[in-house]
């Protein structure tokens, strides 16, 4: 069952290691997105890092499947490596993932996506912000329909972030129908974006740098900052 169906909105926090995971849990995060190398916007972590996080916290952990900056799967060799890594992570206990690939035309690389998803064998997964960089957003969303395990699309509504994409996010939330993957909003998300998004029906939020101490990705996740986001997303929208 998708966490988006829960009564309380979902707050997902990016973690790089077990220390981040513990801090996110202390602040009230519902789930983690586990990545490495944020200089490349988040790549696949090792199975050892996943195992350390899994031992440290009992939160759900969605693990990134991505080999390089950008949204290419890397051709047959890249897809083969992604499938191999997915297998290693599953053997380590991972049951939730994050992925998303575009082809050279900026459309969904369906062949690559289907190969990686097949290796997940029914595990839940998020289609990440490749959606915001697609040449045809509606086409990508249509092509994703029905892929097994997909329950969320992580999106800012635009490549430039939520500040630019807010109208798109609100329109897509309003147009959602039962069975559609849920929208999880992240990418330049600010606290002042939360009230209109909540009022518009968005039930899942994704934060990274916004909950870290000064120093950007070199800093640590701050439980107090996570707690501030927890409070904000839990506020009941005004009628």
Protein backbone atom coordinates (compact mmCIF):
# COMPACT_ATOMS: atom_id res chain seq x y z
CA UNK A 1 0.00 0.00 0.00
CA UNK A 2 1.32 3.42 -0.91
CA UNK A 3 2.14 5.73 1.98
CA UNK A 4 0.33 8.46 0.05
CA UNK A 5 -2.96 6.86 1.01
CA UNK A 6 -2.26 7.36 4.71
CA UNK A 7 -4.19 10.07 6.56
CA UNK A 8 -1.05 11.97 7.51
CA UNK A 9 0.90 13.54 4.62
CA UNK A 10 4.16 11.83 3.76
CA UNK A 11 7.45 13.58 4.49
CA UNK A 12 10.42 12.02 2.71
CA UNK A 13 13.97 13.14 3.52
CA UNK A 14 17.11 12.56 1.44
CA UNK A 15 19.73 10.61 3.38
CA UNK A 16 23.33 9.93 2.44
CA UNK A 17 24.17 7.58 5.30
CA UNK A 18 23.02 6.10 8.59
CA UNK A 19 23.70 9.31 10.53
CA UNK A 20 21.36 11.22 8.24
CA UNK A 21 18.78 8.48 8.59
CA UNK A 22 18.76 8.63 12.38
CA UNK A 23 18.45 12.44 12.36
CA UNK A 24 15.59 12.30 9.85
CA UNK A 25 13.75 9.77 11.99
CA UNK A 26 14.24 11.91 15.09
CA UNK A 27 12.70 14.87 13.27
CA UNK A 28 9.62 12.91 12.24
CA UNK A 29 10.33 11.83 8.66
CA UNK A 30 8.09 9.09 7.30
CA UNK A 31 10.52 7.77 4.74
CA UNK A 32 14.04 8.18 3.34
CA UNK A 33 15.40 8.50 -0.15
CA UNK A 34 18.87 6.99 0.00
CA UNK A 35 21.46 8.32 -2.46
CA UNK A 36 25.12 9.11 -2.81
CA UNK A 37 27.00 11.91 -4.60
CA UNK A 38 24.65 14.88 -4.51
CA UNK A 39 27.13 16.78 -6.68
CA UNK A 40 25.56 14.67 -9.45
CA UNK A 41 22.03 15.16 -7.99
CA UNK A 42 21.97 11.76 -6.35
CA UNK A 43 23.34 8.43 -7.56
CA UNK A 44 22.95 4.81 -6.45
CA UNK A 45 24.40 4.05 -3.01
CA UNK A 46 26.22 0.82 -2.29
CA UNK A 47 24.50 -2.18 -0.79
CA UNK A 48 26.73 -1.72 2.28
CA UNK A 49 25.44 1.81 2.86
CA UNK A 50 21.87 0.59 2.48
CA UNK A 51 22.51 -2.19 4.99
CA UNK A 52 23.92 0.32 7.49
CA UNK A 53 20.88 2.55 7.12
CA UNK A 54 18.53 -0.43 7.41
CA UNK A 55 20.28 -1.45 10.64
CA UNK A 56 20.05 2.08 12.05
CA UNK A 57 16.37 2.89 11.44
CA UNK A 58 13.11 1.11 10.73
CA UNK A 59 11.77 3.76 8.34
CA UNK A 60 10.90 2.79 4.76
CA UNK A 61 13.89 3.49 2.49
CA UNK A 62 13.61 4.19 -1.22
CA UNK A 63 16.96 3.57 -2.89
CA UNK A 64 18.12 5.49 -5.95
CA UNK A 65 18.95 3.56 -9.12
CA UNK A 66 21.02 6.02 -11.17
CA UNK A 67 24.57 5.83 -12.47
CA UNK A 68 25.40 9.37 -13.61
CA UNK A 69 24.18 12.94 -13.66
CA UNK A 70 21.33 13.47 -16.10
CA UNK A 71 18.54 11.11 -17.06
CA UNK A 72 20.08 8.67 -19.52
CA UNK A 73 20.08 5.00 -18.57
CA UNK A 74 23.44 4.65 -20.31
CA UNK A 75 22.47 2.27 -23.11
CA UNK A 76 22.55 -1.51 -22.84
CA UNK A 77 25.66 -1.50 -20.65
CA UNK A 78 24.16 1.05 -18.28
CA UNK A 79 20.88 -0.81 -18.00
CA UNK A 80 22.77 -4.03 -17.33
CA UNK A 81 24.66 -2.34 -14.51
CA UNK A 82 21.44 -0.88 -13.08
CA UNK A 83 19.85 -4.33 -13.09
CA UNK A 84 22.93 -5.74 -11.35
CA UNK A 85 22.86 -3.06 -8.68
CA UNK A 86 19.15 -3.53 -8.15
CA UNK A 87 19.83 -7.20 -7.52
CA UNK A 88 22.57 -6.43 -4.99
CA UNK A 89 20.35 -3.97 -3.17
CA UNK A 90 17.43 -6.39 -3.11
CA UNK A 91 19.71 -9.07 -1.67
CA UNK A 92 20.65 -6.57 1.04
CA UNK A 93 16.95 -6.13 1.86
CA UNK A 94 15.86 -3.13 -0.24
CA UNK A 95 12.20 -3.27 -1.23
CA UNK A 96 11.58 0.28 -2.52
CA UNK A 97 13.39 2.21 -5.24
CA UNK A 98 13.67 5.48 -7.19
CA UNK A 99 14.43 5.62 -10.92
CA UNK A 100 13.54 7.35 -14.16
CA UNK A 101 15.13 7.52 -17.60
CA UNK A 102 14.65 9.69 -20.67
CA UNK A 103 15.76 8.93 -24.20
CA UNK A 104 17.66 11.24 -26.55
CA UNK A 105 14.42 12.98 -27.51
CA UNK A 106 13.52 13.82 -23.92
CA UNK A 107 10.75 11.20 -23.77
CA UNK A 108 10.43 8.22 -21.47
CA UNK A 109 13.04 5.55 -22.21
CA UNK A 110 10.44 2.86 -21.87
CA UNK A 111 12.67 -0.06 -22.83
CA UNK A 112 15.26 0.82 -20.18
CA UNK A 113 12.61 1.54 -17.57
CA UNK A 114 10.83 -1.75 -18.20
CA UNK A 115 14.07 -3.74 -17.92
CA UNK A 116 14.97 -2.18 -14.58
CA UNK A 117 11.42 -2.44 -13.25
CA UNK A 118 11.34 -6.13 -14.21
CA UNK A 119 14.41 -6.65 -12.01
CA UNK A 120 12.50 -5.10 -9.10
CA UNK A 121 9.89 -7.86 -9.39
CA UNK A 122 6.96 -5.87 -8.02
CA UNK A 123 8.81 -3.61 -5.58
CA UNK A 124 7.31 -0.15 -5.12
CA UNK A 125 9.16 2.67 -6.86
CA UNK A 126 9.12 6.39 -7.53
CA UNK A 127 9.65 7.97 -10.94
CA UNK A 128 11.99 10.83 -10.08
CA UNK A 129 12.44 14.33 -11.46
CA UNK A 130 13.23 13.17 -14.98
CA UNK A 131 9.59 14.17 -15.46
CA UNK A 132 10.51 17.84 -14.99
CA UNK A 133 13.12 17.65 -17.75
CA UNK A 134 10.98 15.81 -20.29
CA UNK A 135 10.27 17.29 -23.71
CA UNK A 136 6.60 16.33 -23.30
CA UNK A 137 5.50 15.97 -19.71
CA UNK A 138 2.03 14.66 -20.54
CA UNK A 139 3.47 12.03 -22.88
CA UNK A 140 5.83 10.74 -20.21
CA UNK A 141 3.06 10.52 -17.64
CA UNK A 142 0.88 8.61 -20.11
CA UNK A 143 3.73 6.22 -20.97
CA UNK A 144 4.28 5.49 -17.28
CA UNK A 145 0.68 4.41 -16.74
CA UNK A 146 0.39 0.80 -15.70
CA UNK A 147 4.06 0.08 -15.03
CA UNK A 148 4.17 -2.41 -12.14
CA UNK A 149 5.13 -1.03 -8.75
CA UNK A 150 4.98 2.66 -9.69
CA UNK A 151 3.14 4.57 -7.00
CA UNK A 152 4.72 8.05 -6.97
CA UNK A 153 6.11 10.68 -9.31
CA UNK A 154 8.63 13.01 -7.67
CA UNK A 155 8.25 16.37 -9.35
CA UNK A 156 8.70 20.11 -8.94
CA UNK A 157 6.36 20.83 -11.82
CA UNK A 158 9.21 22.40 -13.82
CA UNK A 159 12.95 22.01 -14.30
CA UNK A 160 13.49 25.28 -12.43
CA UNK A 161 11.86 24.03 -9.25
CA UNK A 162 8.59 24.36 -7.36
CA UNK A 163 8.69 28.16 -7.47
CA UNK A 164 8.21 27.93 -11.24
CA UNK A 165 6.22 24.72 -11.38
CA UNK A 166 3.59 25.40 -8.70
CA UNK A 167 0.74 26.05 -11.18
CA UNK A 168 1.53 22.78 -12.99
CA UNK A 169 1.58 20.85 -9.72
CA UNK A 170 -1.76 22.26 -8.64
CA UNK A 171 -3.30 21.50 -12.03
CA UNK A 172 -2.03 17.92 -12.00
CA UNK A 173 -3.21 17.38 -8.44
CA UNK A 174 -6.66 18.66 -9.38
CA UNK A 175 -6.82 16.40 -12.44
CA UNK A 176 -5.66 13.24 -10.66
CA UNK A 177 -7.91 10.21 -10.93
CA UNK A 178 -8.01 7.04 -8.82
CA UNK A 179 -5.18 4.73 -9.78
CA UNK A 180 -2.82 7.50 -10.92
CA UNK A 181 0.64 7.51 -9.31
CA UNK A 182 0.63 10.03 -6.47
CA UNK A 183 2.46 13.33 -6.76
CA UNK A 184 5.35 13.79 -4.36
CA UNK A 185 6.58 17.37 -4.55
CA UNK A 186 10.26 18.17 -4.24
CA UNK A 187 12.96 20.26 -5.91
CA UNK A 188 13.36 23.78 -4.62
CA UNK A 189 10.44 23.20 -2.25
CA UNK A 190 10.04 25.90 0.40
CA UNK A 191 7.90 26.01 3.52
CA UNK A 192 5.69 28.71 2.01
CA UNK A 193 4.84 26.36 -0.87
CA UNK A 194 3.33 23.81 1.49
CA UNK A 195 -0.02 25.48 2.32
CA UNK A 196 -1.19 25.92 -1.30
CA UNK A 197 0.01 22.44 -2.18
CA UNK A 198 -1.79 20.89 0.78
CA UNK A 199 -4.94 22.86 -0.05
CA UNK A 200 -4.63 21.58 -3.62
CA UNK A 201 -4.58 17.98 -2.48
CA UNK A 202 -0.85 17.14 -2.50
CA UNK A 203 -0.10 14.57 0.18
CA UNK A 204 3.61 13.83 -0.21
CA UNK A 205 6.64 16.11 0.19
CA UNK A 206 10.35 15.53 -0.45
CA UNK A 207 13.17 17.60 1.08
CA UNK A 208 16.95 17.47 1.05
CA UNK A 209 19.13 20.53 1.41
CA UNK A 210 16.32 22.35 3.22
CA UNK A 211 16.76 20.15 6.30
CA UNK A 212 20.54 20.24 6.48
CA UNK A 213 22.79 22.30 8.69
CA UNK A 214 24.74 25.14 7.08
CA UNK A 215 27.29 23.87 4.62
CA UNK A 216 24.89 22.37 2.11
CA UNK A 217 25.37 18.69 1.38
CA UNK A 218 28.53 18.68 3.48
CA UNK A 219 26.32 19.46 6.49
CA UNK A 220 24.20 16.99 8.40
CA UNK A 221 20.46 16.45 8.51
CA UNK A 222 19.03 18.57 11.32
CA UNK A 223 16.28 16.92 13.40
CA UNK A 224 14.96 20.39 14.27
CA UNK A 225 14.69 21.35 10.60
CA UNK A 226 12.93 18.08 9.77
CA UNK A 227 10.56 18.73 12.67
CA UNK A 228 9.69 22.17 11.24
CA UNK A 229 8.76 20.52 7.94
CA UNK A 230 6.82 17.82 9.78
CA UNK A 231 4.75 20.51 11.47
CA UNK A 232 4.17 22.39 8.21
CA UNK A 233 2.99 19.42 6.18
CA UNK A 234 0.74 18.20 8.96
CA UNK A 235 -1.23 21.46 9.22
CA UNK A 236 -4.80 20.99 8.04
CA UNK A 237 -5.47 23.27 5.04
CA UNK A 238 -7.97 26.07 5.58
CA UNK A 239 -11.41 25.30 4.18
